[in-house]
Amino acid sequence: MSHKVTVKTQIKNPEVAAAAAKAMGLPCRVGRHSVEIFSGEVQADISVQLKGWIYPIAINIKTGECHFDNYNGKWGNAEELLNFTQEYLAQVAEHEAEELTLQGWNIERVALENGDVQVKLTQGL
């Protein structure tokens, strides 16, 4: 019986996804390639080996889909996927805000007590 799961994550920028993986110290591979998960081979534009996971996640940049097999948490803690997604979104926000820094805005990343990350923009003096 297969335990394959497909989740729409809207991860559509391979450079930012690679930056998120690098920021978290996770191995990743960018470019079209095959990824082996328990249920078989899937195609990916980027794959990331999450901490403690047996199989990597395979991301399709065109659809934003993330294919993975963590056997309901036995082969990898789902929180690691949430952490990666959160880092990706923070990287997207910072990437998008870079142009604002040229206009005098400051970007600040704040780690909240509940583990969330907040990206703040403030106008410089």
PDB file of N, CA and C in Angstrom:
ATOM      1  N   MET A   1       0.847  -1.181   0.000  1.00  0.00           N
ATOM      2  CA  MET A   1       0.000   0.000   0.000  1.00  0.00           C
ATOM      3  C   MET A   1       0.890   1.241   0.000  1.00  0.00           C
ATOM      4  N   SER A   2       0.602   2.181  -0.870  1.00  0.00           N
ATOM      5  CA  SER A   2       1.379   3.414  -0.980  1.00  0.00           C
ATOM      6  C   SER A   2       0.964   4.412   0.086  1.00  0.00           C
ATOM      7  N   HIS A   3       1.907   5.238   0.459  1.00  0.00           N
ATOM      8  CA  HIS A   3       1.654   6.291   1.436  1.00  0.00           C
ATOM      9  C   HIS A   3       1.992   7.649   0.857  1.00  0.00           C
ATOM     10  N   LYS A   4       1.907   7.766  -0.453  1.00  0.00           N
ATOM     11  CA  LYS A   4       2.250   9.008  -1.145  1.00  0.00           C
ATOM     12  C   LYS A   4       1.247  10.099  -0.799  1.00  0.00           C
ATOM     13  N   VAL A   5       1.760  11.299  -0.591  1.00  0.00           N
ATOM     14  CA  VAL A   5       0.932  12.455  -0.279  1.00  0.00           C
ATOM     15  C   VAL A   5       1.307  13.567  -1.241  1.00  0.00           C
ATOM     16  N   THR A   6       0.325  14.300  -1.756  1.00  0.00           N
ATOM     17  CA  THR A   6       0.569  15.458  -2.595  1.00  0.00           C
ATOM     18  C   THR A   6      -0.084  16.660  -1.938  1.00  0.00           C
ATOM     19  N   VAL A   7       0.696  17.733  -1.781  1.00  0.00           N
ATOM     20  CA  VAL A   7       0.199  18.945  -1.140  1.00  0.00           C
ATOM     21  C   VAL A   7       0.511  20.125  -2.043  1.00  0.00           C
ATOM     22  N   LYS A   8      -0.453  21.014  -2.261  1.00  0.00           N
ATOM     23  CA  LYS A   8      -0.195  22.252  -2.993  1.00  0.00           C
ATOM     24  C   LYS A   8       0.432  23.243  -2.034  1.00  0.00           C
ATOM     25  N   THR A   9       1.659  23.593  -2.284  1.00  0.00           N
ATOM     26  CA  THR A   9       2.370  24.493  -1.388  1.00  0.00           C
ATOM     27  C   THR A   9       2.634  25.848  -2.014  1.00  0.00           C
ATOM     28  N   GLN A  10       2.448  25.951  -3.313  1.00  0.00           N
ATOM     29  CA  GLN A  10       2.724  27.177  -4.048  1.00  0.00           C
ATOM     30  C   GLN A  10       4.195  27.560  -3.986  1.00  0.00           C
ATOM     31  N   ILE A  11       5.071  26.579  -3.959  1.00  0.00           N
ATOM     32  CA  ILE A  11       6.503  26.846  -4.057  1.00  0.00           C
ATOM     33  C   ILE A  11       6.816  26.918  -5.544  1.00  0.00           C
ATOM     34  N   LYS A  12       7.002  28.139  -6.045  1.00  0.00           N
ATOM     35  CA  LYS A  12       7.146  28.340  -7.484  1.00  0.00           C
ATOM     36  C   LYS A  12       8.438  29.027  -7.901  1.00  0.00           C
ATOM     37  N   ASN A  13       9.292  29.346  -6.959  1.00  0.00           N
ATOM     38  CA  ASN A  13      10.540  30.006  -7.303  1.00  0.00           C
ATOM     39  C   ASN A  13      11.698  29.114  -6.859  1.00  0.00           C
ATOM     40  N   PRO A  14      12.379  28.456  -7.817  1.00  0.00           N
ATOM     41  CA  PRO A  14      13.433  27.517  -7.424  1.00  0.00           C
ATOM     42  C   PRO A  14      14.616  28.175  -6.730  1.00  0.00           C
ATOM     43  N   GLU A  15      14.961  29.403  -7.122  1.00  0.00           N
ATOM     44  CA  GLU A  15      16.086  30.081  -6.484  1.00  0.00           C
ATOM     45  C   GLU A  15      15.772  30.395  -5.028  1.00  0.00           C
ATOM     46  N   VAL A  16      14.558  30.845  -4.766  1.00  0.00           N
ATOM     47  CA  VAL A  16      14.168  31.167  -3.390  1.00  0.00           C
ATOM     48  C   VAL A  16      14.030  29.880  -2.575  1.00  0.00           C
ATOM     49  N   ALA A  17      13.508  28.811  -3.187  1.00  0.00           N
ATOM     50  CA  ALA A  17      13.408  27.523  -2.491  1.00  0.00           C
ATOM     51  C   ALA A  17      14.797  27.011  -2.125  1.00  0.00           C
ATOM     52  N   ALA A  18      15.750  27.153  -3.050  1.00  0.00           N
ATOM     53  CA  ALA A  18      17.129  26.739  -2.771  1.00  0.00           C
ATOM     54  C   ALA A  18      17.724  27.592  -1.652  1.00  0.00           C
ATOM     55  N   ALA A  19      17.417  28.888  -1.645  1.00  0.00           N
ATOM     56  CA  ALA A  19      17.903  29.773  -0.583  1.00  0.00           C
ATOM     57  C   ALA A  19      17.307  29.379   0.766  1.00  0.00           C
ATOM     58  N   ALA A  20      16.035  28.982   0.768  1.00  0.00           N
ATOM     59  CA  ALA A  20      15.393  28.541   2.007  1.00  0.00           C
ATOM     60  C   ALA A  20      16.057  27.268   2.515  1.00  0.00           C
ATOM     61  N   ALA A  21      16.330  26.328   1.611  1.00  0.00           N
ATOM     62  CA  ALA A  21      17.003  25.088   2.001  1.00  0.00           C
ATOM     63  C   ALA A  21      18.390  25.394   2.561  1.00  0.00           C
ATOM     64  N   LYS A  22      19.121  26.287   1.896  1.00  0.00           N
ATOM     65  CA  LYS A  22      20.467  26.652   2.347  1.00  0.00           C
ATOM     66  C   LYS A  22      20.410  27.300   3.730  1.00  0.00           C
ATOM     67  N   ALA A  23      19.438  28.201   3.932  1.00  0.00           N
ATOM     68  CA  ALA A  23      19.298  28.878   5.225  1.00  0.00           C
ATOM     69  C   ALA A  23      19.033  27.884   6.356  1.00  0.00           C
ATOM     70  N   MET A  24      18.379  26.772   6.017  1.00  0.00           N
ATOM     71  CA  MET A  24      18.071  25.757   7.019  1.00  0.00           C
ATOM     72  C   MET A  24      19.129  24.657   7.078  1.00  0.00           C
ATOM     73  N   GLY A  25      20.153  24.749   6.221  1.00  0.00           N
ATOM     74  CA  GLY A  25      21.199  23.736   6.196  1.00  0.00           C
ATOM     75  C   GLY A  25      20.747  22.415   5.610  1.00  0.00           C
ATOM     76  N   LEU A  26      19.790  22.470   4.669  1.00  0.00           N
ATOM     77  CA  LEU A  26      19.230  21.258   4.073  1.00  0.00           C
ATOM     78  C   LEU A  26      19.792  21.024   2.674  1.00  0.00           C
ATOM     79  N   PRO A  27      20.167  19.792   2.357  1.00  0.00           N
ATOM     80  CA  PRO A  27      20.616  19.496   0.998  1.00  0.00           C
ATOM     81  C   PRO A  27      19.457  19.655   0.011  1.00  0.00           C
ATOM     82  N   CYS A  28      19.755  20.242  -1.138  1.00  0.00           N
ATOM     83  CA  CYS A  28      18.724  20.359  -2.168  1.00  0.00           C
ATOM     84  C   CYS A  28      19.369  20.210  -3.537  1.00  0.00           C
ATOM     85  N   ARG A  29      18.536  19.897  -4.499  1.00  0.00           N
ATOM     86  CA  ARG A  29      18.974  19.756  -5.889  1.00  0.00           C
ATOM     87  C   ARG A  29      18.005  20.551  -6.748  1.00  0.00           C
ATOM     88  N   VAL A  30      18.540  21.444  -7.577  1.00  0.00           N
ATOM     89  CA  VAL A  30      17.721  22.290  -8.444  1.00  0.00           C
ATOM     90  C   VAL A  30      17.901  21.831  -9.890  1.00  0.00           C
ATOM     91  N   GLY A  31      16.831  21.847 -10.664  1.00  0.00           N
ATOM     92  CA  GLY A  31      16.840  21.400 -12.057  1.00  0.00           C
ATOM     93  C   GLY A  31      15.984  20.152 -12.193  1.00  0.00           C
ATOM     94  N   ARG A  32      15.419  19.949 -13.365  1.00  0.00           N
ATOM     95  CA  ARG A  32      14.508  18.819 -13.582  1.00  0.00           C
ATOM     96  C   ARG A  32      15.249  17.505 -13.346  1.00  0.00           C
ATOM     97  N   HIS A  33      14.690  16.670 -12.467  1.00  0.00           N
ATOM     98  CA  HIS A  33      15.292  15.376 -12.164  1.00  0.00           C
ATOM     99  C   HIS A  33      14.258  14.439 -11.548  1.00  0.00           C
ATOM    100  N   SER A  34      14.618  13.165 -11.444  1.00  0.00           N
ATOM    101  CA  SER A  34      13.764  12.154 -10.828  1.00  0.00           C
ATOM    102  C   SER A  34      14.101  12.033  -9.356  1.00  0.00           C
ATOM    103  N   VAL A  35      13.080  11.807  -8.543  1.00  0.00           N
ATOM    104  CA  VAL A  35      13.245  11.625  -7.106  1.00  0.00           C
ATOM    105  C   VAL A  35      12.542  10.332  -6.713  1.00  0.00           C
ATOM    106  N   GLU A  36      13.241   9.504  -5.961  1.00  0.00           N
ATOM    107  CA  GLU A  36      12.652   8.261  -5.461  1.00  0.00           C
ATOM    108  C   GLU A  36      11.984   8.508  -4.117  1.00  0.00           C
ATOM    109  N   ILE A  37      10.690   8.175  -4.049  1.00  0.00           N
ATOM    110  CA  ILE A  37       9.995   8.123  -2.773  1.00  0.00           C
ATOM    111  C   ILE A  37       9.440   6.705  -2.668  1.00  0.00           C
ATOM    112  N   PHE A  38       8.877   6.341  -1.553  1.00  0.00           N
ATOM    113  CA  PHE A  38       8.460   4.960  -1.316  1.00  0.00           C
ATOM    114  C   PHE A  38       7.569   4.424  -2.428  1.00  0.00           C
ATOM    115  N   SER A  39       6.613   5.224  -2.866  1.00  0.00           N
ATOM    116  CA  SER A  39       5.642   4.768  -3.855  1.00  0.00           C
ATOM    117  C   SER A  39       6.190   4.752  -5.271  1.00  0.00           C
ATOM    118  N   GLY A  40       7.413   5.212  -5.468  1.00  0.00           N
ATOM    119  CA  GLY A  40       8.002   5.187  -6.802  1.00  0.00           C
ATOM    120  C   GLY A  40       8.716   6.476  -7.133  1.00  0.00           C
ATOM    121  N   GLU A  41       8.957   6.625  -8.405  1.00  0.00           N
ATOM    122  CA  GLU A  41       9.715   7.774  -8.899  1.00  0.00           C
ATOM    123  C   GLU A  41       8.769   8.913  -9.281  1.00  0.00           C
ATOM    124  N   VAL A  42       9.137  10.132  -8.884  1.00  0.00           N
ATOM    125  CA  VAL A  42       8.396  11.336  -9.280  1.00  0.00           C
ATOM    126  C   VAL A  42       9.384  12.318  -9.881  1.00  0.00           C
ATOM    127  N   GLN A  43       8.880  13.200 -10.717  1.00  0.00           N
ATOM    128  CA  GLN A  43       9.712  14.233 -11.333  1.00  0.00           C
ATOM    129  C   GLN A  43       9.669  15.485 -10.473  1.00  0.00           C
ATOM    130  N   ALA A  44      10.812  16.169 -10.391  1.00  0.00           N
ATOM    131  CA  ALA A  44      10.901  17.376  -9.574  1.00  0.00           C
ATOM    132  C   ALA A  44      11.730  18.430 -10.289  1.00  0.00           C
ATOM    133  N   ASP A  45      11.431  19.686 -10.001  1.00  0.00           N
ATOM    134  CA  ASP A  45      12.263  20.804 -10.436  1.00  0.00           C
ATOM    135  C   ASP A  45      13.262  21.159  -9.352  1.00  0.00           C
ATOM    136  N   ILE A  46      12.891  20.853  -8.122  1.00  0.00           N
ATOM    137  CA  ILE A  46      13.795  20.996  -6.979  1.00  0.00           C
ATOM    138  C   ILE A  46      13.403  19.933  -5.965  1.00  0.00           C
ATOM    139  N   SER A  47      14.396  19.337  -5.334  1.00  0.00           N
ATOM    140  CA  SER A  47      14.126  18.382  -4.253  1.00  0.00           C
ATOM    141  C   SER A  47      14.923  18.820  -3.033  1.00  0.00           C
ATOM    142  N   VAL A  48      14.328  18.579  -1.874  1.00  0.00           N
ATOM    143  CA  VAL A  48      14.943  18.988  -0.612  1.00  0.00           C
ATOM    144  C   VAL A  48      14.874  17.816   0.352  1.00  0.00           C
ATOM    145  N   GLN A  49      15.989  17.521   0.990  1.00  0.00           N
ATOM    146  CA  GLN A  49      16.029  16.468   2.008  1.00  0.00           C
ATOM    147  C   GLN A  49      15.811  17.113   3.365  1.00  0.00           C
ATOM    148  N   LEU A  50      14.609  16.967   3.886  1.00  0.00           N
ATOM    149  CA  LEU A  50      14.279  17.563   5.182  1.00  0.00           C
ATOM    150  C   LEU A  50      14.947  16.805   6.323  1.00  0.00           C
ATOM    151  N   LYS A  51      15.216  17.499   7.393  1.00  0.00           N
ATOM    152  CA  LYS A  51      15.876  16.918   8.563  1.00  0.00           C
ATOM    153  C   LYS A  51      15.058  15.738   9.103  1.00  0.00           C
ATOM    154  N   GLY A  52      15.718  14.573   9.221  1.00  0.00           N
ATOM    155  CA  GLY A  52      15.072  13.397   9.786  1.00  0.00           C
ATOM    156  C   GLY A  52      14.152  12.641   8.843  1.00  0.00           C
ATOM    157  N   TRP A  53      14.022  13.084   7.602  1.00  0.00           N
ATOM    158  CA  TRP A  53      13.140  12.417   6.652  1.00  0.00           C
ATOM    159  C   TRP A  53      13.904  11.345   5.886  1.00  0.00           C
ATOM    160  N   ILE A  54      13.251  10.216   5.636  1.00  0.00           N
ATOM    161  CA  ILE A  54      13.861   9.145   4.854  1.00  0.00           C
ATOM    162  C   ILE A  54      13.903   9.518   3.380  1.00  0.00           C
ATOM    163  N   TYR A  55      12.805  10.067   2.869  1.00  0.00           N
ATOM    164  CA  TYR A  55      12.716  10.433   1.454  1.00  0.00           C
ATOM    165  C   TYR A  55      12.674  11.953   1.303  1.00  0.00           C
ATOM    166  N   PRO A  56      13.270  12.478   0.235  1.00  0.00           N
ATOM    167  CA  PRO A  56      13.209  13.935   0.014  1.00  0.00           C
ATOM    168  C   PRO A  56      11.812  14.356  -0.448  1.00  0.00           C
ATOM    169  N   ILE A  57      11.552  15.653  -0.365  1.00  0.00           N
ATOM    170  CA  ILE A  57      10.339  16.194  -0.963  1.00  0.00           C
ATOM    171  C   ILE A  57      10.690  16.586  -2.395  1.00  0.00           C
ATOM    172  N   ALA A  58       9.735  16.404  -3.289  1.00  0.00           N
ATOM    173  CA  ALA A  58       9.922  16.713  -4.708  1.00  0.00           C
ATOM    174  C   ALA A  58       8.957  17.823  -5.075  1.00  0.00           C
ATOM    175  N   ILE A  59       9.493  18.949  -5.545  1.00  0.00           N
ATOM    176  CA  ILE A  59       8.671  20.124  -5.811  1.00  0.00           C
ATOM    177  C   ILE A  59       8.574  20.358  -7.309  1.00  0.00           C
ATOM    178  N   ASN A  60       7.334  20.533  -7.788  1.00  0.00           N
ATOM    179  CA  ASN A  60       7.068  20.896  -9.177  1.00  0.00           C
ATOM    180  C   ASN A  60       6.826  22.401  -9.194  1.00  0.00           C
ATOM    181  N   ILE A  61       7.758  23.137  -9.770  1.00  0.00           N
ATOM    182  CA  ILE A  61       7.703  24.599  -9.754  1.00  0.00           C
ATOM    183  C   ILE A  61       6.514  25.143 -10.549  1.00  0.00           C
ATOM    184  N   LYS A  62       6.159  24.494 -11.652  1.00  0.00           N
ATOM    185  CA  LYS A  62       5.049  24.997 -12.475  1.00  0.00           C
ATOM    186  C   LYS A  62       3.711  24.915 -11.750  1.00  0.00           C
ATOM    187  N   THR A  63       3.481  23.828 -11.013  1.00  0.00           N
ATOM    188  CA  THR A  63       2.196  23.651 -10.339  1.00  0.00           C
ATOM    189  C   THR A  63       2.237  24.070  -8.868  1.00  0.00           C
ATOM    190  N   GLY A  64       3.442  24.162  -8.309  1.00  0.00           N
ATOM    191  CA  GLY A  64       3.568  24.460  -6.892  1.00  0.00           C
ATOM    192  C   GLY A  64       3.356  23.243  -6.013  1.00  0.00           C
ATOM    193  N   GLU A  65       3.150  22.063  -6.625  1.00  0.00           N
ATOM    194  CA  GLU A  65       2.900  20.855  -5.845  1.00  0.00           C
ATOM    195  C   GLU A  65       4.174  20.331  -5.210  1.00  0.00           C
ATOM    196  N   CYS A  66       4.003  19.762  -4.038  1.00  0.00           N
ATOM    197  CA  CYS A  66       5.102  19.148  -3.301  1.00  0.00           C
ATOM    198  C   CYS A  66       4.715  17.694  -3.057  1.00  0.00           C
ATOM    199  N   HIS A  67       5.489  16.772  -3.634  1.00  0.00           N
ATOM    200  CA  HIS A  67       5.232  15.342  -3.456  1.00  0.00           C
ATOM    201  C   HIS A  67       6.183  14.814  -2.392  1.00  0.00           C
ATOM    202  N   PHE A  68       5.648  14.013  -1.483  1.00  0.00           N
ATOM    203  CA  PHE A  68       6.491  13.441  -0.448  1.00  0.00           C
ATOM    204  C   PHE A  68       5.838  12.214   0.127  1.00  0.00           C
ATOM    205  N   ASP A  69       6.599  11.450   0.872  1.00  0.00           N
ATOM    206  CA  ASP A  69       6.089  10.254   1.531  1.00  0.00           C
ATOM    207  C   ASP A  69       6.735  10.167   2.907  1.00  0.00           C
ATOM    208  N   ASN A  70       5.979  10.535   3.918  1.00  0.00           N
ATOM    209  CA  ASN A  70       6.522  10.477   5.277  1.00  0.00           C
ATOM    210  C   ASN A  70       5.800   9.445   6.139  1.00  0.00           C
ATOM    211  N   TYR A  71       4.952   8.618   5.519  1.00  0.00           N
ATOM    212  CA  TYR A  71       4.251   7.516   6.190  1.00  0.00           C
ATOM    213  C   TYR A  71       3.601   7.992   7.493  1.00  0.00           C
ATOM    214  N   ASN A  72       2.791   9.038   7.322  1.00  0.00           N
ATOM    215  CA  ASN A  72       2.051   9.624   8.454  1.00  0.00           C
ATOM    216  C   ASN A  72       2.955   9.964   9.641  1.00  0.00           C
ATOM    217  N   GLY A  73       4.140  10.468   9.340  1.00  0.00           N
ATOM    218  CA  GLY A  73       5.048  10.904  10.388  1.00  0.00           C
ATOM    219  C   GLY A  73       6.080   9.882  10.812  1.00  0.00           C
ATOM    220  N   LYS A  74       5.948   8.636  10.374  1.00  0.00           N
ATOM    221  CA  LYS A  74       6.917   7.607  10.763  1.00  0.00           C
ATOM    222  C   LYS A  74       8.237   7.759  10.015  1.00  0.00           C
ATOM    223  N   TRP A  75       8.207   8.338   8.806  1.00  0.00           N
ATOM    224  CA  TRP A  75       9.416   8.494   7.999  1.00  0.00           C
ATOM    225  C   TRP A  75       9.861   9.944   7.938  1.00  0.00           C
ATOM    226  N   GLY A  76       9.222  10.804   8.700  1.00  0.00           N
ATOM    227  CA  GLY A  76       9.593  12.206   8.722  1.00  0.00           C
ATOM    228  C   GLY A  76       8.523  13.034   9.402  1.00  0.00           C
ATOM    229  N   ASN A  77       8.934  13.916  10.273  1.00  0.00           N
ATOM    230  CA  ASN A  77       8.028  14.771  11.023  1.00  0.00           C
ATOM    231  C   ASN A  77       7.468  15.859  10.102  1.00  0.00           C
ATOM    232  N   ALA A  78       6.145  15.948  10.004  1.00  0.00           N
ATOM    233  CA  ALA A  78       5.491  16.932   9.136  1.00  0.00           C
ATOM    234  C   ALA A  78       5.856  18.361   9.527  1.00  0.00           C
ATOM    235  N   GLU A  79       6.244  18.566  10.761  1.00  0.00           N
ATOM    236  CA  GLU A  79       6.637  19.907  11.199  1.00  0.00           C
ATOM    237  C   GLU A  79       7.858  20.408  10.432  1.00  0.00           C
ATOM    238  N   GLU A  80       8.720  19.497  10.002  1.00  0.00           N
ATOM    239  CA  GLU A  80       9.885  19.894   9.208  1.00  0.00           C
ATOM    240  C   GLU A  80       9.458  20.469   7.866  1.00  0.00           C
ATOM    241  N   LEU A  81       8.401  19.910   7.271  1.00  0.00           N
ATOM    242  CA  LEU A  81       7.866  20.460   6.020  1.00  0.00           C
ATOM    243  C   LEU A  81       7.264  21.836   6.272  1.00  0.00           C
ATOM    244  N   LEU A  82       6.571  21.989   7.380  1.00  0.00           N
ATOM    245  CA  LEU A  82       6.007  23.298   7.727  1.00  0.00           C
ATOM    246  C   LEU A  82       7.121  24.318   7.954  1.00  0.00           C
ATOM    247  N   ASN A  83       8.197  23.898   8.606  1.00  0.00           N
ATOM    248  CA  ASN A  83       9.329  24.799   8.831  1.00  0.00           C
ATOM    249  C   ASN A  83       9.947  25.239   7.507  1.00  0.00           C
ATOM    250  N   PHE A  84      10.096  24.293   6.578  1.00  0.00           N
ATOM    251  CA  PHE A  84      10.663  24.633   5.271  1.00  0.00           C
ATOM    252  C   PHE A  84       9.738  25.591   4.519  1.00  0.00           C
ATOM    253  N   THR A  85       8.449  25.316   4.535  1.00  0.00           N
ATOM    254  CA  THR A  85       7.482  26.182   3.862  1.00  0.00           C
ATOM    255  C   THR A  85       7.502  27.580   4.465  1.00  0.00           C
ATOM    256  N   GLN A  86       7.592  27.654   5.773  1.00  0.00           N
ATOM    257  CA  GLN A  86       7.652  28.943   6.456  1.00  0.00           C
ATOM    258  C   GLN A  86       8.918  29.704   6.060  1.00  0.00           C
ATOM    259  N   GLU A  87      10.048  29.013   6.008  1.00  0.00           N
ATOM    260  CA  GLU A  87      11.300  29.661   5.606  1.00  0.00           C
ATOM    261  C   GLU A  87      11.207  30.125   4.157  1.00  0.00           C
ATOM    262  N   TYR A  88      10.596  29.317   3.298  1.00  0.00           N
ATOM    263  CA  TYR A  88      10.414  29.705   1.897  1.00  0.00           C
ATOM    264  C   TYR A  88       9.599  30.990   1.809  1.00  0.00           C
ATOM    265  N   LEU A  89       8.503  31.052   2.544  1.00  0.00           N
ATOM    266  CA  LEU A  89       7.644  32.239   2.496  1.00  0.00           C
ATOM    267  C   LEU A  89       8.360  33.470   3.046  1.00  0.00           C
ATOM    268  N   ALA A  90       9.154  33.295   4.092  1.00  0.00           N
ATOM    269  CA  ALA A  90       9.925  34.425   4.625  1.00  0.00           C
ATOM    270  C   ALA A  90      10.956  34.886   3.593  1.00  0.00           C
ATOM    271  N   GLN A  91      11.583  33.933   2.904  1.00  0.00           N
ATOM    272  CA  GLN A  91      12.557  34.267   1.864  1.00  0.00           C
ATOM    273  C   GLN A  91      11.877  35.006   0.706  1.00  0.00           C
ATOM    274  N   VAL A  92      10.670  34.571   0.331  1.00  0.00           N
ATOM    275  CA  VAL A  92       9.913  35.250  -0.730  1.00  0.00           C
ATOM    276  C   VAL A  92       9.638  36.692  -0.325  1.00  0.00           C
ATOM    277  N   ALA A  93       9.171  36.887   0.914  1.00  0.00           N
ATOM    278  CA  ALA A  93       8.857  38.241   1.387  1.00  0.00           C
ATOM    279  C   ALA A  93      10.104  39.116   1.366  1.00  0.00           C
ATOM    280  N   GLU A  94      11.221  38.582   1.831  1.00  0.00           N
ATOM    281  CA  GLU A  94      12.458  39.360   1.843  1.00  0.00           C
ATOM    282  C   GLU A  94      12.940  39.642   0.425  1.00  0.00           C
ATOM    283  N   HIS A  95      12.822  38.658  -0.449  1.00  0.00           N
ATOM    284  CA  HIS A  95      13.231  38.814  -1.844  1.00  0.00           C
ATOM    285  C   HIS A  95      12.399  39.906  -2.528  1.00  0.00           C
ATOM    286  N   GLU A  96      11.096  39.863  -2.304  1.00  0.00           N
ATOM    287  CA  GLU A  96      10.197  40.847  -2.902  1.00  0.00           C
ATOM    288  C   GLU A  96      10.435  42.244  -2.339  1.00  0.00           C
ATOM    289  N   ALA A  97      10.849  42.305  -1.087  1.00  0.00           N
ATOM    290  CA  ALA A  97      11.036  43.598  -0.432  1.00  0.00           C
ATOM    291  C   ALA A  97      12.407  44.218  -0.718  1.00  0.00           C
ATOM    292  N   GLU A  98      13.310  43.482  -1.358  1.00  0.00           N
ATOM    293  CA  GLU A  98      14.653  44.002  -1.613  1.00  0.00           C
ATOM    294  C   GLU A  98      14.630  45.326  -2.357  1.00  0.00           C
ATOM    295  N   GLU A  99      13.725  45.464  -3.313  1.00  0.00           N
ATOM    296  CA  GLU A  99      13.637  46.717  -4.071  1.00  0.00           C
ATOM    297  C   GLU A  99      13.259  47.886  -3.160  1.00  0.00           C
ATOM    298  N   LEU A 100      12.460  47.591  -2.139  1.00  0.00           N
ATOM    299  CA  LEU A 100      12.064  48.648  -1.201  1.00  0.00           C
ATOM    300  C   LEU A 100      13.249  49.164  -0.394  1.00  0.00           C
ATOM    301  N   THR A 101      14.254  48.303  -0.181  1.00  0.00           N
ATOM    302  CA  THR A 101      15.428  48.767   0.568  1.00  0.00           C
ATOM    303  C   THR A 101      16.159  49.860  -0.202  1.00  0.00           C
ATOM    304  N   LEU A 102      16.076  49.823  -1.522  1.00  0.00           N
ATOM    305  CA  LEU A 102      16.691  50.867  -2.338  1.00  0.00           C
ATOM    306  C   LEU A 102      15.953  52.198  -2.179  1.00  0.00           C
ATOM    307  N   GLN A 103      14.709  52.122  -1.702  1.00  0.00           N
ATOM    308  CA  GLN A 103      13.906  53.320  -1.495  1.00  0.00           C
ATOM    309  C   GLN A 103      13.916  53.750  -0.025  1.00  0.00           C
ATOM    310  N   GLY A 104      14.837  53.173   0.773  1.00  0.00           N
ATOM    311  CA  GLY A 104      14.981  53.593   2.158  1.00  0.00           C
ATOM    312  C   GLY A 104      14.231  52.772   3.183  1.00  0.00           C
ATOM    313  N   TRP A 105      13.621  51.665   2.794  1.00  0.00           N
ATOM    314  CA  TRP A 105      12.918  50.818   3.748  1.00  0.00           C
ATOM    315  C   TRP A 105      13.888  49.823   4.368  1.00  0.00           C
ATOM    316  N   ASN A 106      13.604  49.412   5.604  1.00  0.00           N
ATOM    317  CA  ASN A 106      14.392  48.398   6.301  1.00  0.00           C
ATOM    318  C   ASN A 106      13.573  47.106   6.389  1.00  0.00           C
ATOM    319  N   ILE A 107      14.263  45.975   6.215  1.00  0.00           N
ATOM    320  CA  ILE A 107      13.626  44.663   6.345  1.00  0.00           C
ATOM    321  C   ILE A 107      14.142  44.022   7.619  1.00  0.00           C
ATOM    322  N   GLU A 108      13.219  43.525   8.429  1.00  0.00           N
ATOM    323  CA  GLU A 108      13.612  42.862   9.665  1.00  0.00           C
ATOM    324  C   GLU A 108      12.812  41.571   9.818  1.00  0.00           C
ATOM    325  N   ARG A 109      13.508  40.488  10.079  1.00  0.00           N
ATOM    326  CA  ARG A 109      12.851  39.212  10.338  1.00  0.00           C
ATOM    327  C   ARG A 109      12.776  39.024  11.849  1.00  0.00           C
ATOM    328  N   VAL A 110      11.565  38.738  12.345  1.00  0.00           N
ATOM    329  CA  VAL A 110      11.353  38.586  13.782  1.00  0.00           C
ATOM    330  C   VAL A 110      10.820  37.179  14.051  1.00  0.00           C
ATOM    331  N   ALA A 111      11.500  36.440  14.927  1.00  0.00           N
ATOM    332  CA  ALA A 111      11.027  35.119  15.350  1.00  0.00           C
ATOM    333  C   ALA A 111      10.082  35.316  16.531  1.00  0.00           C
ATOM    334  N   LEU A 112       8.855  34.870  16.381  1.00  0.00           N
ATOM    335  CA  LEU A 112       7.860  35.006  17.443  1.00  0.00           C
ATOM    336  C   LEU A 112       7.973  33.849  18.427  1.00  0.00           C
ATOM    337  N   GLU A 113       7.437  34.008  19.618  1.00  0.00           N
ATOM    338  CA  GLU A 113       7.519  32.984  20.663  1.00  0.00           C
ATOM    339  C   GLU A 113       6.878  31.671  20.243  1.00  0.00           C
ATOM    340  N   ASN A 114       5.833  31.728  19.414  1.00  0.00           N
ATOM    341  CA  ASN A 114       5.146  30.504  18.994  1.00  0.00           C
ATOM    342  C   ASN A 114       5.854  29.795  17.845  1.00  0.00           C
ATOM    343  N   GLY A 115       7.015  30.325  17.433  1.00  0.00           N
ATOM    344  CA  GLY A 115       7.774  29.694  16.359  1.00  0.00           C
ATOM    345  C   GLY A 115       7.526  30.300  14.993  1.00  0.00           C
ATOM    346  N   ASP A 116       6.512  31.144  14.874  1.00  0.00           N
ATOM    347  CA  ASP A 116       6.250  31.805  13.602  1.00  0.00           C
ATOM    348  C   ASP A 116       7.339  32.820  13.306  1.00  0.00           C
ATOM    349  N   VAL A 117       7.419  33.188  12.047  1.00  0.00           N
ATOM    350  CA  VAL A 117       8.365  34.197  11.609  1.00  0.00           C
ATOM    351  C   VAL A 117       7.579  35.349  11.021  1.00  0.00           C
ATOM    352  N   GLN A 118       7.962  36.555  11.382  1.00  0.00           N
ATOM    353  CA  GLN A 118       7.303  37.751  10.872  1.00  0.00           C
ATOM    354  C   GLN A 118       8.356  38.587  10.162  1.00  0.00           C
ATOM    355  N   VAL A 119       8.015  39.036   8.957  1.00  0.00           N
ATOM    356  CA  VAL A 119       8.909  39.914   8.205  1.00  0.00           C
ATOM    357  C   VAL A 119       8.319  41.309   8.285  1.00  0.00           C
ATOM    358  N   LYS A 120       9.100  42.241   8.863  1.00  0.00           N
ATOM    359  CA  LYS A 120       8.621  43.611   9.067  1.00  0.00           C
ATOM    360  C   LYS A 120       9.356  44.556   8.116  1.00  0.00           C
ATOM    361  N   LEU A 121       8.609  45.490   7.568  1.00  0.00           N
ATOM    362  CA  LEU A 121       9.182  46.571   6.778  1.00  0.00           C
ATOM    363  C   LEU A 121       8.956  47.858   7.531  1.00  0.00           C
ATOM    364  N   THR A 122      10.032  48.613   7.712  1.00  0.00           N
ATOM    365  CA  THR A 122       9.908  49.927   8.343  1.00  0.00           C
ATOM    366  C   THR A 122      10.621  50.937   7.490  1.00  0.00           C
ATOM    367  N   GLN A 123      10.070  52.124   7.449  1.00  0.00           N
ATOM    368  CA  GLN A 123      10.678  53.171   6.638  1.00  0.00           C
ATOM    369  C   GLN A 123      11.869  53.756   7.376  1.00  0.00           C
ATOM    370  N   GLY A 124      13.020  53.786   6.688  1.00  0.00           N
ATOM    371  CA  GLY A 124      14.237  54.337   7.271  1.00  0.00           C
ATOM    372  C   GLY A 124      14.149  55.838   7.408  1.00  0.00           C
ATOM    373  N   LEU A 125      14.994  56.374   8.231  1.00  0.00           N
ATOM    374  CA  LEU A 125      15.009  57.825   8.454  1.00  0.00           C
ATOM    375  C   LEU A 125      15.900  58.520   7.491  1.00  0.00           C
TER     376      LEU A 125
END
